[in-house]
Amino acid sequence: MNGRRFFSRFKGRRHGLSHSRSRGQSLRDYPTYSIPEAALILAMSTRTLQSWVYDKPFFPVSGVEQLQRLLSFNDLAQFYFLRFVRRHAHLSDHQARELLRYTKDVTDSEYPLLDEDISVLPRHVFLTRGKAVLDLINPRGQFVFQEIVSIFASRFDRDSRGLMSRLYPWRLWKEGDARRPVSIDPNIMSGRLVVTGTRIPAILLATRTRSGESIGEIAKDYEITQHRVTESLRHFDIGLRKAA
């Protein structure tokens, strides 16, 4: 990805787009991500995400009433989950839309893929309630009983209330990979993508790399390992310079 294209995707992420947070509004529901920034975090095409929000919306986003729609943490997380489901359960766009619609009907939840105990396996998406497991794809609406281990579970954390609190949307993740180089948490740096376990915005590492600084220089300034810098930058799919 060249520098011009990289920064054009990120440009304007917060310049005049946000609005005042209403009293009592959860940070999870506060619309703060522009579509280009959300696409960068999710490592997906801006055009595809625009289509999912504007042309053929999967669900109404938090900033739906705004001229330039913004996404909340919950919106971003549910789009990540939908993309994850499509990839790992091998679903078409139509099947993913039907899955979301059916799950909302079953759970009566605004964000059913986040609020419920959902497990994703190849060609299967399960909803677990107690000891019963509902296969949301096959067979239709029937409950089955079995041990389910979700390949999605390593991609997020929940808080003490069971709500999704942190997302690990690393672009290069594969099944069985426990690495979490970058993360987003609405309570850390206003929900910006950061190097996991720090308050260092990943975009700053990318900006300094694009300015010609070496991995070694950047790692020394932020007092983190060169490996952590490199793994974070790989999320953006940009070229890396060797340490000085």
C-alpha atoms as a PDB file:
ATOM      1  CA  MET A   1       0.000   0.000   0.000  1.00  0.00           C
ATOM      2  CA  ASN A   2       1.583   3.344  -0.975  1.00  0.00           C
ATOM      3  CA  GLY A   3       1.730   6.283   1.437  1.00  0.00           C
ATOM      4  CA  ARG A   4      -0.795   8.443  -0.403  1.00  0.00           C
ATOM      5  CA  ARG A   5      -3.421   5.716  -0.422  1.00  0.00           C
ATOM      6  CA  PHE A   6      -2.714   4.850   3.229  1.00  0.00           C
ATOM      7  CA  PHE A   7      -3.211   8.396   4.489  1.00  0.00           C
ATOM      8  CA  SER A   8      -6.180   9.093   2.206  1.00  0.00           C
ATOM      9  CA  ARG A   9      -8.021   6.252   3.938  1.00  0.00           C
ATOM     10  CA  PHE A  10      -7.306   7.799   7.324  1.00  0.00           C
ATOM     11  CA  LYS A  11      -7.724  11.471   6.438  1.00  0.00           C
ATOM     12  CA  GLY A  12     -10.607  13.266   8.086  1.00  0.00           C
ATOM     13  CA  ARG A  13     -11.324  10.619  10.677  1.00  0.00           C
ATOM     14  CA  ARG A  14     -12.218  13.127  13.394  1.00  0.00           C
ATOM     15  CA  HIS A  15     -12.084  16.564  11.774  1.00  0.00           C
ATOM     16  CA  GLY A  16     -15.466  18.100  12.429  1.00  0.00           C
ATOM     17  CA  LEU A  17     -17.300  14.797  12.249  1.00  0.00           C
ATOM     18  CA  SER A  18     -18.083  14.028  15.879  1.00  0.00           C
ATOM     19  CA  HIS A  19     -20.891  15.464  17.982  1.00  0.00           C
ATOM     20  CA  SER A  20     -21.548  15.922  21.666  1.00  0.00           C
ATOM     21  CA  ARG A  21     -22.029  12.808  23.715  1.00  0.00           C
ATOM     22  CA  SER A  22     -25.497  12.731  25.273  1.00  0.00           C
ATOM     23  CA  ARG A  23     -25.989  12.311  29.005  1.00  0.00           C
ATOM     24  CA  GLY A  24     -25.751   8.687  30.070  1.00  0.00           C
ATOM     25  CA  GLN A  25     -24.690   7.505  26.604  1.00  0.00           C
ATOM     26  CA  SER A  26     -22.321   4.559  26.785  1.00  0.00           C
ATOM     27  CA  LEU A  27     -18.937   4.962  25.134  1.00  0.00           C
ATOM     28  CA  ARG A  28     -19.743   1.740  23.280  1.00  0.00           C
ATOM     29  CA  ASP A  29     -22.685   3.455  21.570  1.00  0.00           C
ATOM     30  CA  TYR A  30     -21.070   6.851  20.934  1.00  0.00           C
ATOM     31  CA  PRO A  31     -20.515   7.361  17.167  1.00  0.00           C
ATOM     32  CA  THR A  32     -16.893   8.388  16.727  1.00  0.00           C
ATOM     33  CA  TYR A  33     -15.365   6.396  13.837  1.00  0.00           C
ATOM     34  CA  SER A  34     -15.560   7.663  10.273  1.00  0.00           C
ATOM     35  CA  ILE A  35     -16.012   4.955   7.657  1.00  0.00           C
ATOM     36  CA  PRO A  36     -12.423   5.338   6.322  1.00  0.00           C
ATOM     37  CA  GLU A  37     -11.001   4.996   9.846  1.00  0.00           C
ATOM     38  CA  ALA A  38     -13.255   2.042  10.652  1.00  0.00           C
ATOM     39  CA  ALA A  39     -12.207   0.335   7.413  1.00  0.00           C
ATOM     40  CA  LEU A  40      -8.552   0.892   8.290  1.00  0.00           C
ATOM     41  CA  ILE A  41      -9.052  -0.621  11.747  1.00  0.00           C
ATOM     42  CA  LEU A  42     -10.939  -3.588  10.306  1.00  0.00           C
ATOM     43  CA  ALA A  43      -8.396  -4.006   7.487  1.00  0.00           C
ATOM     44  CA  MET A  44     -11.120  -3.985   4.862  1.00  0.00           C
ATOM     45  CA  SER A  45     -11.996  -1.965   1.785  1.00  0.00           C
ATOM     46  CA  THR A  46     -13.515   1.452   2.483  1.00  0.00           C
ATOM     47  CA  ARG A  47     -15.804   0.934  -0.495  1.00  0.00           C
ATOM     48  CA  THR A  48     -17.086  -2.353   0.930  1.00  0.00           C
ATOM     49  CA  LEU A  49     -17.789  -0.830   4.336  1.00  0.00           C
ATOM     50  CA  GLN A  50     -19.517   2.141   2.700  1.00  0.00           C
ATOM     51  CA  SER A  51     -21.747  -0.308   0.851  1.00  0.00           C
ATOM     52  CA  TRP A  52     -22.558  -2.133   4.101  1.00  0.00           C
ATOM     53  CA  VAL A  53     -23.497   1.180   5.750  1.00  0.00           C
ATOM     54  CA  TYR A  54     -25.174   3.120   2.909  1.00  0.00           C
ATOM     55  CA  ASP A  55     -26.142   0.959  -0.085  1.00  0.00           C
ATOM     56  CA  LYS A  56     -27.246  -2.332   1.449  1.00  0.00           C
ATOM     57  CA  PRO A  57     -27.100  -1.733   5.206  1.00  0.00           C
ATOM     58  CA  PHE A  58     -26.769  -4.759   7.463  1.00  0.00           C
ATOM     59  CA  PHE A  59     -28.183  -2.729  10.372  1.00  0.00           C
ATOM     60  CA  PRO A  60     -28.721   0.954  11.301  1.00  0.00           C
ATOM     61  CA  VAL A  61     -25.484   2.391  12.685  1.00  0.00           C
ATOM     62  CA  SER A  62     -25.368   4.706  15.693  1.00  0.00           C
ATOM     63  CA  GLY A  63     -24.688   7.793  13.565  1.00  0.00           C
ATOM     64  CA  VAL A  64     -27.411   7.045  11.011  1.00  0.00           C
ATOM     65  CA  GLU A  65     -28.986  10.506  11.427  1.00  0.00           C
ATOM     66  CA  GLN A  66     -25.762  12.295  10.497  1.00  0.00           C
ATOM     67  CA  LEU A  67     -25.006  13.451   6.964  1.00  0.00           C
ATOM     68  CA  GLN A  68     -21.653  11.660   7.097  1.00  0.00           C
ATOM     69  CA  ARG A  69     -22.382   8.578   9.136  1.00  0.00           C
ATOM     70  CA  LEU A  70     -20.134   7.638  12.015  1.00  0.00           C
ATOM     71  CA  LEU A  71     -19.819   4.259  13.665  1.00  0.00           C
ATOM     72  CA  SER A  72     -19.748   3.452  17.361  1.00  0.00           C
ATOM     73  CA  PHE A  73     -17.507   0.846  18.972  1.00  0.00           C
ATOM     74  CA  ASN A  74     -20.469  -1.564  18.942  1.00  0.00           C
ATOM     75  CA  ASP A  75     -21.120  -0.849  15.248  1.00  0.00           C
ATOM     76  CA  LEU A  76     -17.475  -1.409  14.384  1.00  0.00           C
ATOM     77  CA  ALA A  77     -17.313  -4.607  16.453  1.00  0.00           C
ATOM     78  CA  GLN A  78     -20.464  -6.037  14.875  1.00  0.00           C
ATOM     79  CA  PHE A  79     -19.146  -5.289  11.370  1.00  0.00           C
ATOM     80  CA  TYR A  80     -15.939  -7.079  12.346  1.00  0.00           C
ATOM     81  CA  PHE A  81     -17.978 -10.028  13.567  1.00  0.00           C
ATOM     82  CA  LEU A  82     -20.023 -10.105  10.340  1.00  0.00           C
ATOM     83  CA  ARG A  83     -16.848 -10.069   8.262  1.00  0.00           C
ATOM     84  CA  PHE A  84     -15.396 -12.773  10.495  1.00  0.00           C
ATOM     85  CA  VAL A  85     -18.532 -14.910  10.185  1.00  0.00           C
ATOM     86  CA  ARG A  86     -18.618 -14.561   6.406  1.00  0.00           C
ATOM     87  CA  ARG A  87     -15.000 -15.649   6.150  1.00  0.00           C
ATOM     88  CA  HIS A  88     -14.887 -18.488   8.661  1.00  0.00           C
ATOM     89  CA  ALA A  89     -18.400 -19.879   8.226  1.00  0.00           C
ATOM     90  CA  HIS A  90     -18.142 -19.458   4.441  1.00  0.00           C
ATOM     91  CA  LEU A  91     -21.310 -17.370   4.084  1.00  0.00           C
ATOM     92  CA  SER A  92     -22.416 -15.168   1.225  1.00  0.00           C
ATOM     93  CA  ASP A  93     -23.572 -11.586   1.851  1.00  0.00           C
ATOM     94  CA  HIS A  94     -27.172 -12.782   1.639  1.00  0.00           C
ATOM     95  CA  GLN A  95     -26.603 -15.591   4.122  1.00  0.00           C
ATOM     96  CA  ALA A  96     -24.851 -13.199   6.520  1.00  0.00           C
ATOM     97  CA  ARG A  97     -27.794 -10.787   6.331  1.00  0.00           C
ATOM     98  CA  GLU A  98     -30.254 -13.583   6.999  1.00  0.00           C
ATOM     99  CA  LEU A  99     -28.113 -14.787   9.904  1.00  0.00           C
ATOM    100  CA  LEU A 100     -28.129 -11.314  11.468  1.00  0.00           C
ATOM    101  CA  ARG A 101     -31.874 -10.885  10.927  1.00  0.00           C
ATOM    102  CA  TYR A 102     -32.670 -14.299  12.412  1.00  0.00           C
ATOM    103  CA  THR A 103     -30.359 -13.794  15.391  1.00  0.00           C
ATOM    104  CA  LYS A 104     -31.965 -10.410  16.145  1.00  0.00           C
ATOM    105  CA  ASP A 105     -35.405 -12.035  16.029  1.00  0.00           C
ATOM    106  CA  VAL A 106     -34.322 -14.846  18.351  1.00  0.00           C
ATOM    107  CA  THR A 107     -32.524 -12.645  20.871  1.00  0.00           C
ATOM    108  CA  ASP A 108     -34.388  -9.313  20.558  1.00  0.00           C
ATOM    109  CA  SER A 109     -30.983  -7.615  20.852  1.00  0.00           C
ATOM    110  CA  GLU A 110     -29.739  -4.576  18.926  1.00  0.00           C
ATOM    111  CA  TYR A 111     -26.271  -6.129  18.669  1.00  0.00           C
ATOM    112  CA  PRO A 112     -26.985  -9.865  18.875  1.00  0.00           C
ATOM    113  CA  LEU A 113     -23.582 -10.935  17.588  1.00  0.00           C
ATOM    114  CA  LEU A 114     -21.944  -9.022  20.439  1.00  0.00           C
ATOM    115  CA  ASP A 115     -24.397  -9.428  23.302  1.00  0.00           C
ATOM    116  CA  GLU A 116     -25.044 -13.144  22.954  1.00  0.00           C
ATOM    117  CA  ASP A 117     -22.813 -16.187  23.358  1.00  0.00           C
ATOM    118  CA  ILE A 118     -22.036 -16.752  19.686  1.00  0.00           C
ATOM    119  CA  SER A 119     -19.552 -19.340  18.424  1.00  0.00           C
ATOM    120  CA  VAL A 120     -18.194 -19.528  14.889  1.00  0.00           C
ATOM    121  CA  LEU A 121     -16.894 -22.690  13.269  1.00  0.00           C
ATOM    122  CA  PRO A 122     -16.431 -23.569   9.606  1.00  0.00           C
ATOM    123  CA  ARG A 123     -19.937 -23.619   8.041  1.00  0.00           C
ATOM    124  CA  HIS A 124     -21.618 -23.218  11.434  1.00  0.00           C
ATOM    125  CA  VAL A 125     -22.647 -20.331  13.690  1.00  0.00           C
ATOM    126  CA  PHE A 126     -23.979 -21.339  17.111  1.00  0.00           C
ATOM    127  CA  LEU A 127     -25.952 -19.468  19.757  1.00  0.00           C
ATOM    128  CA  THR A 128     -25.429 -20.973  23.215  1.00  0.00           C
ATOM    129  CA  ARG A 129     -28.061 -20.575  25.917  1.00  0.00           C
ATOM    130  CA  GLY A 130     -27.445 -22.557  29.044  1.00  0.00           C
ATOM    131  CA  LYS A 131     -26.724 -26.116  27.978  1.00  0.00           C
ATOM    132  CA  ALA A 132     -28.592 -25.738  24.712  1.00  0.00           C
ATOM    133  CA  VAL A 133     -26.840 -24.738  21.493  1.00  0.00           C
ATOM    134  CA  LEU A 134     -28.862 -23.340  18.593  1.00  0.00           C
ATOM    135  CA  ASP A 135     -27.320 -23.794  15.166  1.00  0.00           C
ATOM    136  CA  LEU A 136     -28.213 -20.525  13.400  1.00  0.00           C
ATOM    137  CA  ILE A 137     -27.474 -21.885   9.938  1.00  0.00           C
ATOM    138  CA  ASN A 138     -28.046 -25.657   9.879  1.00  0.00           C
ATOM    139  CA  PRO A 139     -30.467 -27.188  10.747  1.00  0.00           C
ATOM    140  CA  ARG A 140     -33.124 -24.478  10.847  1.00  0.00           C
ATOM    141  CA  GLY A 141     -33.877 -23.381  14.357  1.00  0.00           C
ATOM    142  CA  GLN A 142     -33.152 -26.713  15.996  1.00  0.00           C
ATOM    143  CA  PHE A 143     -31.303 -26.931  19.292  1.00  0.00           C
ATOM    144  CA  VAL A 144     -28.391 -29.331  19.541  1.00  0.00           C
ATOM    145  CA  PHE A 145     -26.273 -30.373  22.510  1.00  0.00           C
ATOM    146  CA  GLN A 146     -22.539 -30.518  22.096  1.00  0.00           C
ATOM    147  CA  GLU A 147     -19.272 -28.956  23.215  1.00  0.00           C
ATOM    148  CA  ILE A 148     -18.525 -25.835  21.193  1.00  0.00           C
ATOM    149  CA  VAL A 149     -15.181 -24.039  21.082  1.00  0.00           C
ATOM    150  CA  SER A 150     -15.384 -20.725  19.234  1.00  0.00           C
ATOM    151  CA  ILE A 151     -12.521 -19.700  16.982  1.00  0.00           C
ATOM    152  CA  PHE A 152     -13.739 -16.115  17.485  1.00  0.00           C
ATOM    153  CA  ALA A 153     -13.280 -16.098  21.276  1.00  0.00           C
ATOM    154  CA  SER A 154      -9.658 -14.923  21.124  1.00  0.00           C
ATOM    155  CA  ARG A 155     -10.617 -11.821  19.170  1.00  0.00           C
ATOM    156  CA  PHE A 156     -12.389  -9.950  21.985  1.00  0.00           C
ATOM    157  CA  ASP A 157     -12.701  -9.484  25.745  1.00  0.00           C
ATOM    158  CA  ARG A 158     -15.854  -9.074  27.820  1.00  0.00           C
ATOM    159  CA  ASP A 159     -16.243  -7.046  31.004  1.00  0.00           C
ATOM    160  CA  SER A 160     -17.761  -8.201  34.315  1.00  0.00           C
ATOM    161  CA  ARG A 161     -21.266  -7.624  32.913  1.00  0.00           C
ATOM    162  CA  GLY A 162     -20.608  -9.808  29.901  1.00  0.00           C
ATOM    163  CA  LEU A 163     -20.448  -6.887  27.451  1.00  0.00           C
ATOM    164  CA  MET A 164     -17.812  -6.746  24.769  1.00  0.00           C
ATOM    165  CA  SER A 165     -15.159  -4.351  26.055  1.00  0.00           C
ATOM    166  CA  ARG A 166     -12.164  -4.765  23.747  1.00  0.00           C
ATOM    167  CA  LEU A 167     -11.618  -5.949  20.175  1.00  0.00           C
ATOM    168  CA  TYR A 168      -8.421  -7.340  18.646  1.00  0.00           C
ATOM    169  CA  PRO A 169      -8.895  -6.851  14.884  1.00  0.00           C
ATOM    170  CA  TRP A 170      -5.451  -7.900  13.652  1.00  0.00           C
ATOM    171  CA  ARG A 171      -5.468  -8.280   9.866  1.00  0.00           C
ATOM    172  CA  LEU A 172      -3.176 -11.324   9.786  1.00  0.00           C
ATOM    173  CA  TRP A 173      -4.945 -13.437  12.414  1.00  0.00           C
ATOM    174  CA  LYS A 174      -5.509 -17.083  11.563  1.00  0.00           C
ATOM    175  CA  GLU A 175      -7.187 -19.881  13.478  1.00  0.00           C
ATOM    176  CA  GLY A 176      -5.015 -20.990  16.381  1.00  0.00           C
ATOM    177  CA  ASP A 177      -3.082 -17.708  16.441  1.00  0.00           C
ATOM    178  CA  ALA A 178      -3.071 -16.194  19.947  1.00  0.00           C
ATOM    179  CA  ARG A 179      -1.320 -12.954  18.982  1.00  0.00           C
ATOM    180  CA  ARG A 180      -3.076  -9.638  19.693  1.00  0.00           C
ATOM    181  CA  PRO A 181      -0.733  -6.875  18.472  1.00  0.00           C
ATOM    182  CA  VAL A 182      -3.405  -4.146  18.176  1.00  0.00           C
ATOM    183  CA  SER A 183      -6.681  -3.478  19.931  1.00  0.00           C
ATOM    184  CA  ILE A 184      -9.524  -1.000  20.328  1.00  0.00           C
ATOM    185  CA  ASP A 185     -11.247  -0.223  23.618  1.00  0.00           C
ATOM    186  CA  PRO A 186     -13.714   2.684  23.995  1.00  0.00           C
ATOM    187  CA  ASN A 187     -12.081   3.493  27.348  1.00  0.00           C
ATOM    188  CA  ILE A 188      -8.537   3.763  25.960  1.00  0.00           C
ATOM    189  CA  MET A 189      -7.524   6.764  23.825  1.00  0.00           C
ATOM    190  CA  SER A 190     -11.181   7.383  22.886  1.00  0.00           C
ATOM    191  CA  GLY A 191     -11.355   4.033  21.135  1.00  0.00           C
ATOM    192  CA  ARG A 192      -8.458   4.573  18.744  1.00  0.00           C
ATOM    193  CA  LEU A 193      -6.504   1.563  17.493  1.00  0.00           C
ATOM    194  CA  VAL A 194      -3.523   1.136  19.839  1.00  0.00           C
ATOM    195  CA  VAL A 195      -0.604  -1.187  20.438  1.00  0.00           C
ATOM    196  CA  THR A 196      -2.166  -3.719  22.804  1.00  0.00           C
ATOM    197  CA  GLY A 197      -1.386  -3.070  26.460  1.00  0.00           C
ATOM    198  CA  THR A 198      -0.337   0.538  25.809  1.00  0.00           C
ATOM    199  CA  ARG A 199      -1.876   3.918  24.963  1.00  0.00           C
ATOM    200  CA  ILE A 200       0.228   4.221  21.809  1.00  0.00           C
ATOM    201  CA  PRO A 201      -1.967   4.852  18.723  1.00  0.00           C
ATOM    202  CA  ALA A 202      -0.941   2.429  16.003  1.00  0.00           C
ATOM    203  CA  ILE A 203      -1.453   5.144  13.386  1.00  0.00           C
ATOM    204  CA  LEU A 204       1.409   7.158  14.946  1.00  0.00           C
ATOM    205  CA  LEU A 205       3.792   4.263  14.382  1.00  0.00           C
ATOM    206  CA  ALA A 206       2.656   4.072  10.772  1.00  0.00           C
ATOM    207  CA  THR A 207       3.033   7.845  10.335  1.00  0.00           C
ATOM    208  CA  ARG A 208       6.584   7.828  11.676  1.00  0.00           C
ATOM    209  CA  THR A 209       7.471   4.848   9.474  1.00  0.00           C
ATOM    210  CA  ARG A 210       6.140   6.721   6.457  1.00  0.00           C
ATOM    211  CA  SER A 211       8.316   9.678   7.455  1.00  0.00           C
ATOM    212  CA  GLY A 212      11.390   7.482   7.095  1.00  0.00           C
ATOM    213  CA  GLU A 213      12.138   6.593  10.722  1.00  0.00           C
ATOM    214  CA  SER A 214      13.430   3.116  11.468  1.00  0.00           C
ATOM    215  CA  ILE A 215      11.737   0.469  13.594  1.00  0.00           C
ATOM    216  CA  GLY A 216      14.584   0.744  16.088  1.00  0.00           C
ATOM    217  CA  GLU A 217      14.128   4.490  16.524  1.00  0.00           C
ATOM    218  CA  ILE A 218      10.393   4.180  17.001  1.00  0.00           C
ATOM    219  CA  ALA A 219      10.681   1.291  19.469  1.00  0.00           C
ATOM    220  CA  LYS A 220      13.239   3.192  21.545  1.00  0.00           C
ATOM    221  CA  ASP A 221      11.093   6.332  21.734  1.00  0.00           C
ATOM    222  CA  TYR A 222       8.023   4.424  22.915  1.00  0.00           C
ATOM    223  CA  GLU A 223       9.990   1.979  25.090  1.00  0.00           C
ATOM    224  CA  ILE A 224       8.530  -1.110  23.447  1.00  0.00           C
ATOM    225  CA  THR A 225      10.212  -3.921  21.553  1.00  0.00           C
ATOM    226  CA  GLN A 226      10.923  -3.704  17.853  1.00  0.00           C
ATOM    227  CA  HIS A 227       8.828  -6.844  17.408  1.00  0.00           C
ATOM    228  CA  ARG A 228       5.764  -5.089  18.856  1.00  0.00           C
ATOM    229  CA  VAL A 229       6.250  -2.158  16.501  1.00  0.00           C
ATOM    230  CA  THR A 230       6.619  -4.476  13.515  1.00  0.00           C
ATOM    231  CA  GLU A 231       3.581  -6.603  14.391  1.00  0.00           C
ATOM    232  CA  SER A 232       1.435  -3.481  14.852  1.00  0.00           C
ATOM    233  CA  LEU A 233       2.551  -2.034  11.518  1.00  0.00           C
ATOM    234  CA  ARG A 234       1.817  -5.271   9.687  1.00  0.00           C
ATOM    235  CA  HIS A 235      -1.862  -4.619  10.396  1.00  0.00           C
ATOM    236  CA  PHE A 236      -1.693  -1.729   7.913  1.00  0.00           C
ATOM    237  CA  ASP A 237       0.119  -3.805   5.267  1.00  0.00           C
ATOM    238  CA  ILE A 238       2.850  -1.228   4.741  1.00  0.00           C
ATOM    239  CA  GLY A 239       6.524  -1.702   4.001  1.00  0.00           C
ATOM    240  CA  LEU A 240       8.917  -1.658   6.946  1.00  0.00           C
ATOM    241  CA  ARG A 241      12.453  -0.332   7.301  1.00  0.00           C
ATOM    242  CA  LYS A 242      15.037  -2.323   9.211  1.00  0.00           C
ATOM    243  CA  ALA A 243      16.110  -1.200  12.646  1.00  0.00           C
ATOM    244  CA  ALA A 244      18.900   1.340  12.770  1.00  0.00           C
END
